[in-house]
């Protein structure tokens, strides 16, 4: 292989990497492909591309193993939970003039006007529901398989109990009866 051929090959690899960005991410071992080629080791550069580390989150996203089924099951449970919360809050919009409760693409937004806005959204890779509250701030919840309850990852408070408490304190309206 001549130096001109190596240079042409490196240029093509760089252009392809810029177009797709996937190669640029996978081919970086000790620096970009061009720096490996400049070191005079084109075969090492090509081997690096072939043996690039696998991104486990991408592999998980495209896998068809039982883990993918677990992910689908999590999505069902999380979506059902968000729908259940939305249903329990159904009448509160009529009681508070400036309130708006929406559920879209795994994100439940509970805007209660001057009382504050709560946001709950599913985090599929982590198998969690994330929560943002004007009272308690950000929190993360995981489903406890033994009890079927969503528990905070730090203090083990239950999602529904804390949501009921905070909304009741903020609005004076009792929910989740």
C-alpha atoms as a PDB file:
ATOM      1  CA  UNK A   1       0.000   0.000   0.000  1.00  0.00           C
ATOM      2  CA  UNK A   2       1.457   3.361  -0.986  1.00  0.00           C
ATOM      3  CA  UNK A   3       1.424   6.492   1.124  1.00  0.00           C
ATOM      4  CA  UNK A   4      -0.967   8.113  -1.372  1.00  0.00           C
ATOM      5  CA  UNK A   5      -3.367   5.171  -1.027  1.00  0.00           C
ATOM      6  CA  UNK A   6      -3.173   5.390   2.760  1.00  0.00           C
ATOM      7  CA  UNK A   7      -3.795   9.137   2.625  1.00  0.00           C
ATOM      8  CA  UNK A   8      -6.780   8.656   0.297  1.00  0.00           C
ATOM      9  CA  UNK A   9      -8.157   5.934   2.559  1.00  0.00           C
ATOM     10  CA  UNK A  10      -7.758   8.143   5.626  1.00  0.00           C
ATOM     11  CA  UNK A  11      -9.516  11.031   3.865  1.00  0.00           C
ATOM     12  CA  UNK A  12     -12.427   8.784   2.887  1.00  0.00           C
ATOM     13  CA  UNK A  13     -12.700   7.453   6.427  1.00  0.00           C
ATOM     14  CA  UNK A  14     -12.696  11.005   7.804  1.00  0.00           C
ATOM     15  CA  UNK A  15     -15.387  12.161   5.358  1.00  0.00           C
ATOM     16  CA  UNK A  16     -17.526   9.143   6.131  1.00  0.00           C
ATOM     17  CA  UNK A  17     -17.080   9.761   9.844  1.00  0.00           C
ATOM     18  CA  UNK A  18     -18.134  13.365   9.526  1.00  0.00           C
ATOM     19  CA  UNK A  19     -21.214  12.375   7.540  1.00  0.00           C
ATOM     20  CA  UNK A  20     -22.489   9.718   9.871  1.00  0.00           C
ATOM     21  CA  UNK A  21     -20.700  10.629  13.129  1.00  0.00           C
ATOM     22  CA  UNK A  22     -21.085   7.003  14.151  1.00  0.00           C
ATOM     23  CA  UNK A  23     -17.668   6.020  12.840  1.00  0.00           C
ATOM     24  CA  UNK A  24     -16.049   9.010  14.518  1.00  0.00           C
ATOM     25  CA  UNK A  25     -17.397   7.869  17.888  1.00  0.00           C
ATOM     26  CA  UNK A  26     -16.499   4.206  17.432  1.00  0.00           C
ATOM     27  CA  UNK A  27     -13.077   4.690  15.846  1.00  0.00           C
ATOM     28  CA  UNK A  28     -11.625   6.820  18.622  1.00  0.00           C
ATOM     29  CA  UNK A  29      -9.242   4.678  20.620  1.00  0.00           C
ATOM     30  CA  UNK A  30      -6.178   6.835  21.265  1.00  0.00           C
ATOM     31  CA  UNK A  31      -7.333   9.787  19.186  1.00  0.00           C
ATOM     32  CA  UNK A  32      -9.088  10.283  15.870  1.00  0.00           C
ATOM     33  CA  UNK A  33      -8.409   7.987  12.924  1.00  0.00           C
ATOM     34  CA  UNK A  34      -6.332  10.668  11.195  1.00  0.00           C
ATOM     35  CA  UNK A  35      -3.863  10.814  14.109  1.00  0.00           C
ATOM     36  CA  UNK A  36      -3.482   7.029  14.008  1.00  0.00           C
ATOM     37  CA  UNK A  37      -2.802   7.108  10.278  1.00  0.00           C
ATOM     38  CA  UNK A  38      -0.268   9.929  10.675  1.00  0.00           C
ATOM     39  CA  UNK A  39       1.610   7.730  13.097  1.00  0.00           C
ATOM     40  CA  UNK A  40       2.246   5.410  10.183  1.00  0.00           C
ATOM     41  CA  UNK A  41       0.049   2.559  11.321  1.00  0.00           C
ATOM     42  CA  UNK A  42      -2.931   2.338   8.955  1.00  0.00           C
ATOM     43  CA  UNK A  43      -3.592  -1.289   9.820  1.00  0.00           C
ATOM     44  CA  UNK A  44      -3.894  -0.324  13.507  1.00  0.00           C
ATOM     45  CA  UNK A  45      -6.391   2.391  12.573  1.00  0.00           C
ATOM     46  CA  UNK A  46      -8.524  -0.077  10.649  1.00  0.00           C
ATOM     47  CA  UNK A  47      -8.291  -2.677  13.419  1.00  0.00           C
ATOM     48  CA  UNK A  48      -9.336  -0.005  15.911  1.00  0.00           C
ATOM     49  CA  UNK A  49     -12.463   0.670  13.902  1.00  0.00           C
ATOM     50  CA  UNK A  50     -13.286  -3.034  13.766  1.00  0.00           C
ATOM     51  CA  UNK A  51     -12.628  -3.613  17.476  1.00  0.00           C
ATOM     52  CA  UNK A  52     -14.074  -0.399  18.880  1.00  0.00           C
ATOM     53  CA  UNK A  53     -15.703  -0.740  22.294  1.00  0.00           C
ATOM     54  CA  UNK A  54     -19.398  -1.540  22.196  1.00  0.00           C
ATOM     55  CA  UNK A  55     -21.711   1.089  23.650  1.00  0.00           C
ATOM     56  CA  UNK A  56     -23.782  -1.016  26.051  1.00  0.00           C
ATOM     57  CA  UNK A  57     -26.748   1.361  26.068  1.00  0.00           C
ATOM     58  CA  UNK A  58     -26.979   1.164  22.271  1.00  0.00           C
ATOM     59  CA  UNK A  59     -26.643  -2.601  22.392  1.00  0.00           C
ATOM     60  CA  UNK A  60     -29.419  -2.731  24.984  1.00  0.00           C
ATOM     61  CA  UNK A  61     -31.662  -0.498  22.861  1.00  0.00           C
ATOM     62  CA  UNK A  62     -31.370  -2.798  19.875  1.00  0.00           C
ATOM     63  CA  UNK A  63     -31.278  -6.146  21.650  1.00  0.00           C
ATOM     64  CA  UNK A  64     -34.034  -8.712  21.439  1.00  0.00           C
ATOM     65  CA  UNK A  65     -33.169 -10.511  24.652  1.00  0.00           C
ATOM     66  CA  UNK A  66     -35.246 -10.822  27.812  1.00  0.00           C
ATOM     67  CA  UNK A  67     -33.851  -7.443  28.871  1.00  0.00           C
ATOM     68  CA  UNK A  68     -35.747  -5.841  25.977  1.00  0.00           C
ATOM     69  CA  UNK A  69     -38.910  -7.531  27.237  1.00  0.00           C
ATOM     70  CA  UNK A  70     -38.220  -6.130  30.692  1.00  0.00           C
ATOM     71  CA  UNK A  71     -37.911  -2.700  29.121  1.00  0.00           C
ATOM     72  CA  UNK A  72     -41.255  -3.118  27.373  1.00  0.00           C
ATOM     73  CA  UNK A  73     -42.862  -4.266  30.604  1.00  0.00           C
ATOM     74  CA  UNK A  74     -41.387  -1.271  32.422  1.00  0.00           C
ATOM     75  CA  UNK A  75     -42.807   1.065  29.785  1.00  0.00           C
ATOM     76  CA  UNK A  76     -46.270  -0.474  30.251  1.00  0.00           C
ATOM     77  CA  UNK A  77     -46.162  -0.204  34.041  1.00  0.00           C
ATOM     78  CA  UNK A  78     -44.782   3.346  34.020  1.00  0.00           C
ATOM     79  CA  UNK A  79     -47.348   4.487  31.450  1.00  0.00           C
ATOM     80  CA  UNK A  80     -50.172   2.870  33.465  1.00  0.00           C
ATOM     81  CA  UNK A  81     -48.905   4.635  36.599  1.00  0.00           C
ATOM     82  CA  UNK A  82     -48.844   8.035  34.903  1.00  0.00           C
ATOM     83  CA  UNK A  83     -52.352   7.446  33.501  1.00  0.00           C
ATOM     84  CA  UNK A  84     -53.579   6.442  36.964  1.00  0.00           C
ATOM     85  CA  UNK A  85     -52.200   9.652  38.489  1.00  0.00           C
ATOM     86  CA  UNK A  86     -53.776  11.691  35.700  1.00  0.00           C
ATOM     87  CA  UNK A  87     -57.142  10.008  36.271  1.00  0.00           C
ATOM     88  CA  UNK A  88     -56.980  10.713  40.012  1.00  0.00           C
ATOM     89  CA  UNK A  89     -56.299  14.369  39.266  1.00  0.00           C
ATOM     90  CA  UNK A  90     -59.159  14.536  36.764  1.00  0.00           C
ATOM     91  CA  UNK A  91     -61.469  16.788  38.798  1.00  0.00           C
ATOM     92  CA  UNK A  92     -58.798  19.138  40.125  1.00  0.00           C
ATOM     93  CA  UNK A  93     -58.635  21.089  36.848  1.00  0.00           C
ATOM     94  CA  UNK A  94     -62.254  22.150  37.314  1.00  0.00           C
ATOM     95  CA  UNK A  95     -61.561  23.305  40.886  1.00  0.00           C
ATOM     96  CA  UNK A  96     -58.475  25.385  40.048  1.00  0.00           C
ATOM     97  CA  UNK A  97     -58.944  27.904  37.246  1.00  0.00           C
ATOM     98  CA  UNK A  98     -55.325  28.122  36.096  1.00  0.00           C
ATOM     99  CA  UNK A  99     -54.553  24.412  36.229  1.00  0.00           C
ATOM    100  CA  UNK A 100     -53.540  22.235  33.296  1.00  0.00           C
ATOM    101  CA  UNK A 101     -52.717  18.535  33.474  1.00  0.00           C
ATOM    102  CA  UNK A 102     -51.232  16.851  30.403  1.00  0.00           C
ATOM    103  CA  UNK A 103     -49.713  13.472  29.622  1.00  0.00           C
ATOM    104  CA  UNK A 104     -47.681  13.092  26.466  1.00  0.00           C
ATOM    105  CA  UNK A 105     -44.914  10.675  25.480  1.00  0.00           C
ATOM    106  CA  UNK A 106     -44.263   9.470  29.000  1.00  0.00           C
ATOM    107  CA  UNK A 107     -44.262  12.937  30.605  1.00  0.00           C
ATOM    108  CA  UNK A 108     -47.015  13.956  33.027  1.00  0.00           C
ATOM    109  CA  UNK A 109     -47.135  17.696  33.670  1.00  0.00           C
ATOM    110  CA  UNK A 110     -49.309  18.848  36.558  1.00  0.00           C
ATOM    111  CA  UNK A 111     -49.523  22.638  36.341  1.00  0.00           C
ATOM    112  CA  UNK A 112     -51.639  23.954  39.194  1.00  0.00           C
ATOM    113  CA  UNK A 113     -51.142  27.644  38.446  1.00  0.00           C
ATOM    114  CA  UNK A 114     -49.934  29.625  41.458  1.00  0.00           C
ATOM    115  CA  UNK A 115     -49.708  26.404  43.491  1.00  0.00           C
ATOM    116  CA  UNK A 116     -46.818  25.135  41.344  1.00  0.00           C
ATOM    117  CA  UNK A 117     -45.956  22.625  38.646  1.00  0.00           C
ATOM    118  CA  UNK A 118     -45.046  18.981  39.145  1.00  0.00           C
ATOM    119  CA  UNK A 119     -43.484  16.952  36.346  1.00  0.00           C
ATOM    120  CA  UNK A 120     -43.235  13.161  36.346  1.00  0.00           C
ATOM    121  CA  UNK A 121     -41.587  11.321  33.502  1.00  0.00           C
ATOM    122  CA  UNK A 122     -40.467   7.793  32.833  1.00  0.00           C
ATOM    123  CA  UNK A 123     -36.761   7.139  32.376  1.00  0.00           C
ATOM    124  CA  UNK A 124     -36.626   3.944  30.359  1.00  0.00           C
ATOM    125  CA  UNK A 125     -32.862   3.188  30.521  1.00  0.00           C
ATOM    126  CA  UNK A 126     -32.861   3.562  34.324  1.00  0.00           C
ATOM    127  CA  UNK A 127     -36.261   1.896  34.850  1.00  0.00           C
ATOM    128  CA  UNK A 128     -37.300   4.887  36.967  1.00  0.00           C
ATOM    129  CA  UNK A 129     -39.905   7.613  37.164  1.00  0.00           C
ATOM    130  CA  UNK A 130     -38.306  10.999  37.681  1.00  0.00           C
ATOM    131  CA  UNK A 131     -40.156  13.694  39.563  1.00  0.00           C
ATOM    132  CA  UNK A 132     -39.765  17.430  39.761  1.00  0.00           C
ATOM    133  CA  UNK A 133     -41.708  19.244  42.453  1.00  0.00           C
ATOM    134  CA  UNK A 134     -41.957  22.903  43.484  1.00  0.00           C
ATOM    135  CA  UNK A 135     -41.976  21.708  47.103  1.00  0.00           C
ATOM    136  CA  UNK A 136     -39.539  18.790  47.424  1.00  0.00           C
ATOM    137  CA  UNK A 137     -37.448  19.280  44.275  1.00  0.00           C
ATOM    138  CA  UNK A 138     -36.138  16.470  42.067  1.00  0.00           C
ATOM    139  CA  UNK A 139     -36.571  12.829  43.030  1.00  0.00           C
ATOM    140  CA  UNK A 140     -36.203   9.418  41.423  1.00  0.00           C
ATOM    141  CA  UNK A 141     -38.551   6.502  41.963  1.00  0.00           C
ATOM    142  CA  UNK A 142     -38.098   2.800  41.275  1.00  0.00           C
ATOM    143  CA  UNK A 143     -40.772   0.141  41.295  1.00  0.00           C
ATOM    144  CA  UNK A 144     -40.488  -2.185  44.284  1.00  0.00           C
ATOM    145  CA  UNK A 145     -41.329  -5.636  42.922  1.00  0.00           C
ATOM    146  CA  UNK A 146     -42.319  -6.972  46.349  1.00  0.00           C
ATOM    147  CA  UNK A 147     -44.907  -4.270  47.112  1.00  0.00           C
ATOM    148  CA  UNK A 148     -45.739  -2.952  43.635  1.00  0.00           C
ATOM    149  CA  UNK A 149     -45.110   0.602  44.877  1.00  0.00           C
ATOM    150  CA  UNK A 150     -42.918   3.311  43.411  1.00  0.00           C
ATOM    151  CA  UNK A 151     -40.328   4.130  46.100  1.00  0.00           C
ATOM    152  CA  UNK A 152     -37.863   7.006  46.215  1.00  0.00           C
ATOM    153  CA  UNK A 153     -34.331   5.772  45.603  1.00  0.00           C
ATOM    154  CA  UNK A 154     -32.959   7.668  48.618  1.00  0.00           C
ATOM    155  CA  UNK A 155     -35.502   7.817  51.409  1.00  0.00           C
ATOM    156  CA  UNK A 156     -37.979   5.138  50.221  1.00  0.00           C
ATOM    157  CA  UNK A 157     -41.004   7.468  50.371  1.00  0.00           C
ATOM    158  CA  UNK A 158     -43.868   6.258  48.204  1.00  0.00           C
ATOM    159  CA  UNK A 159     -44.675   8.256  45.056  1.00  0.00           C
ATOM    160  CA  UNK A 160     -48.470   8.395  45.461  1.00  0.00           C
ATOM    161  CA  UNK A 161     -48.293   9.304  49.157  1.00  0.00           C
ATOM    162  CA  UNK A 162     -45.889  12.195  48.613  1.00  0.00           C
ATOM    163  CA  UNK A 163     -47.794  13.478  45.583  1.00  0.00           C
ATOM    164  CA  UNK A 164     -51.055  13.405  47.553  1.00  0.00           C
ATOM    165  CA  UNK A 165     -49.442  15.164  50.505  1.00  0.00           C
ATOM    166  CA  UNK A 166     -47.807  17.896  48.436  1.00  0.00           C
ATOM    167  CA  UNK A 167     -50.821  18.653  46.237  1.00  0.00           C
ATOM    168  CA  UNK A 168     -53.146  18.637  49.250  1.00  0.00           C
ATOM    169  CA  UNK A 169     -50.817  21.010  51.146  1.00  0.00           C
ATOM    170  CA  UNK A 170     -50.420  23.315  48.132  1.00  0.00           C
ATOM    171  CA  UNK A 171     -54.084  23.452  47.078  1.00  0.00           C
ATOM    172  CA  UNK A 172     -56.120  22.436  50.116  1.00  0.00           C
ATOM    173  CA  UNK A 173     -57.780  19.801  47.920  1.00  0.00           C
ATOM    174  CA  UNK A 174     -57.644  16.155  48.997  1.00  0.00           C
ATOM    175  CA  UNK A 175     -56.904  13.737  46.160  1.00  0.00           C
ATOM    176  CA  UNK A 176     -56.349   9.980  45.726  1.00  0.00           C
ATOM    177  CA  UNK A 177     -59.347   8.874  47.750  1.00  0.00           C
END
